Amino acid sequence: MRLFVAGQTPKSIRAFANLKVLCEEHLKGRYQIEVIDLLEHPEMARGNQIVALPTLVVNLPQSVRQIIGDLSNTDRVLVGMALQKVG
């Protein structure tokens, strides 16, 4: 999964921390987080259709999902990562 950020803003730092906690709880040892700073690699925004930051991009077998924000809404993130069913 890729986390797109714009520098070390408080929101970007929270997003990474929240994602790390969720991954440790639900994917222990089975995940890799790639952090892409668009201040350093702006060309990555267009190719990945990033319109807001921070954005988590999860490549699932059947689709690609984007979750925007600081990832503090655990249920929303888990559904977006296909680790929990809606409801």
C-alpha atoms as a PDB file:
ATOM      1  CA  MET A   1       0.000   0.000   0.000  1.00  0.00           C
ATOM      2  CA  ARG A   2       1.082   3.548  -0.653  1.00  0.00           C
ATOM      3  CA  LEU A   3       0.533   6.563   1.551  1.00  0.00           C
ATOM      4  CA  PHE A   4       0.785   9.834  -0.363  1.00  0.00           C
ATOM      5  CA  VAL A   5       1.680  12.866   1.760  1.00  0.00           C
ATOM      6  CA  ALA A   6       2.940  16.428   1.333  1.00  0.00           C
ATOM      7  CA  GLY A   7       5.875  16.719   3.691  1.00  0.00           C
ATOM      8  CA  GLN A   8       5.854  16.123   7.431  1.00  0.00           C
ATOM      9  CA  THR A   9       2.595  17.894   8.257  1.00  0.00           C
ATOM     10  CA  PRO A  10       0.710  16.970  11.436  1.00  0.00           C
ATOM     11  CA  LYS A  11      -2.032  15.357   9.336  1.00  0.00           C
ATOM     12  CA  SER A  12       0.495  13.294   7.360  1.00  0.00           C
ATOM     13  CA  ILE A  13       2.230  12.158  10.538  1.00  0.00           C
ATOM     14  CA  ARG A  14      -1.131  11.173  12.089  1.00  0.00           C
ATOM     15  CA  ALA A  15      -2.104   9.283   8.939  1.00  0.00           C
ATOM     16  CA  PHE A  16       1.102   7.242   9.006  1.00  0.00           C
ATOM     17  CA  ALA A  17       0.813   6.544  12.736  1.00  0.00           C
ATOM     18  CA  ASN A  18      -2.844   5.501  12.427  1.00  0.00           C
ATOM     19  CA  LEU A  19      -2.071   3.285   9.443  1.00  0.00           C
ATOM     20  CA  LYS A  20       0.839   1.635  11.242  1.00  0.00           C
ATOM     21  CA  VAL A  21      -1.371   0.788  14.245  1.00  0.00           C
ATOM     22  CA  LEU A  22      -4.117  -0.660  12.029  1.00  0.00           C
ATOM     23  CA  CYS A  23      -1.647  -2.731  10.046  1.00  0.00           C
ATOM     24  CA  GLU A  24       0.029  -4.080  13.179  1.00  0.00           C
ATOM     25  CA  GLU A  25      -3.355  -5.055  14.622  1.00  0.00           C
ATOM     26  CA  HIS A  26      -4.862  -6.575  11.475  1.00  0.00           C
ATOM     27  CA  LEU A  27      -1.988  -7.488   9.134  1.00  0.00           C
ATOM     28  CA  LYS A  28       0.916  -8.241  11.477  1.00  0.00           C
ATOM     29  CA  GLY A  29       3.906  -9.209   9.346  1.00  0.00           C
ATOM     30  CA  ARG A  30       1.885  -9.144   6.107  1.00  0.00           C
ATOM     31  CA  TYR A  31       2.078  -5.540   4.992  1.00  0.00           C
ATOM     32  CA  GLN A  32       4.391  -2.987   3.474  1.00  0.00           C
ATOM     33  CA  ILE A  33       3.786   0.754   3.612  1.00  0.00           C
ATOM     34  CA  GLU A  34       5.407   2.924   0.969  1.00  0.00           C
ATOM     35  CA  VAL A  35       5.287   6.615   1.880  1.00  0.00           C
ATOM     36  CA  ILE A  36       5.461   8.929  -1.121  1.00  0.00           C
ATOM     37  CA  ASP A  37       6.102  12.596  -0.431  1.00  0.00           C
ATOM     38  CA  LEU A  38       4.594  14.567  -3.286  1.00  0.00           C
ATOM     39  CA  LEU A  39       6.757  17.565  -2.427  1.00  0.00           C
ATOM     40  CA  GLU A  40       9.714  15.436  -3.516  1.00  0.00           C
ATOM     41  CA  HIS A  41       7.924  13.481  -6.283  1.00  0.00           C
ATOM     42  CA  PRO A  42       5.082  15.651  -7.630  1.00  0.00           C
ATOM     43  CA  GLU A  43       4.863  13.611 -10.833  1.00  0.00           C
ATOM     44  CA  MET A  44       3.475  10.697  -8.798  1.00  0.00           C
ATOM     45  CA  ALA A  45       0.238  12.604  -8.107  1.00  0.00           C
ATOM     46  CA  ARG A  46      -1.054  12.557 -11.661  1.00  0.00           C
ATOM     47  CA  GLY A  47      -0.132   8.955 -12.395  1.00  0.00           C
ATOM     48  CA  ASN A  48      -1.898   7.783  -9.242  1.00  0.00           C
ATOM     49  CA  GLN A  49      -4.870  10.167  -9.548  1.00  0.00           C
ATOM     50  CA  ILE A  50      -4.185  11.821  -6.192  1.00  0.00           C
ATOM     51  CA  VAL A  51      -6.428  14.836  -5.607  1.00  0.00           C
ATOM     52  CA  ALA A  52      -6.187  15.296  -1.814  1.00  0.00           C
ATOM     53  CA  LEU A  53      -3.623  14.538   0.877  1.00  0.00           C
ATOM     54  CA  PRO A  54      -2.897  12.428   2.731  1.00  0.00           C
ATOM     55  CA  THR A  55      -4.247   9.585   0.585  1.00  0.00           C
ATOM     56  CA  LEU A  56      -3.818   5.878   1.157  1.00  0.00           C
ATOM     57  CA  VAL A  57      -3.881   3.777  -2.014  1.00  0.00           C
ATOM     58  CA  VAL A  58      -4.601   0.086  -1.506  1.00  0.00           C
ATOM     59  CA  ASN A  59      -4.204  -2.296  -4.442  1.00  0.00           C
ATOM     60  CA  LEU A  60      -6.647  -5.154  -3.996  1.00  0.00           C
ATOM     61  CA  PRO A  61      -6.949  -8.093  -6.384  1.00  0.00           C
ATOM     62  CA  GLN A  62     -10.229  -6.785  -7.807  1.00  0.00           C
ATOM     63  CA  SER A  63      -9.739  -3.018  -7.482  1.00  0.00           C
ATOM     64  CA  VAL A  64      -7.677  -0.066  -6.334  1.00  0.00           C
ATOM     65  CA  ARG A  65      -9.066   1.873  -3.386  1.00  0.00           C
ATOM     66  CA  GLN A  66      -8.199   5.336  -2.142  1.00  0.00           C
ATOM     67  CA  ILE A  67      -8.806   6.478   1.413  1.00  0.00           C
ATOM     68  CA  ILE A  68      -8.349  10.195   2.016  1.00  0.00           C
ATOM     69  CA  GLY A  69      -7.546  11.857   5.336  1.00  0.00           C
ATOM     70  CA  ASP A  70      -5.635  11.110   8.517  1.00  0.00           C
ATOM     71  CA  LEU A  71      -7.026   7.546   8.687  1.00  0.00           C
ATOM     72  CA  SER A  72      -8.454   8.111  12.162  1.00  0.00           C
ATOM     73  CA  ASN A  73     -11.838   6.569  11.285  1.00  0.00           C
ATOM     74  CA  THR A  74     -10.833   2.970  11.934  1.00  0.00           C
ATOM     75  CA  ASP A  75     -13.992   1.345  10.572  1.00  0.00           C
ATOM     76  CA  ARG A  76     -13.844   3.344   7.342  1.00  0.00           C
ATOM     77  CA  VAL A  77     -10.188   2.477   6.814  1.00  0.00           C
ATOM     78  CA  LEU A  78     -10.719  -1.230   7.535  1.00  0.00           C
ATOM     79  CA  VAL A  79     -13.613  -1.351   5.060  1.00  0.00           C
ATOM     80  CA  GLY A  80     -11.491   0.487   2.496  1.00  0.00           C
ATOM     81  CA  MET A  81      -8.683  -2.010   2.994  1.00  0.00           C
ATOM     82  CA  ALA A  82     -11.178  -4.897   2.654  1.00  0.00           C
ATOM     83  CA  LEU A  83     -10.407  -6.064   6.202  1.00  0.00           C
ATOM     84  CA  GLN A  84     -13.938  -5.492   7.472  1.00  0.00           C
ATOM     85  CA  LYS A  85     -17.368  -5.688   5.889  1.00  0.00           C
ATOM     86  CA  VAL A  86     -19.606  -2.635   5.618  1.00  0.00           C
ATOM     87  CA  GLY A  87     -22.012  -2.293   8.509  1.00  0.00           C
END
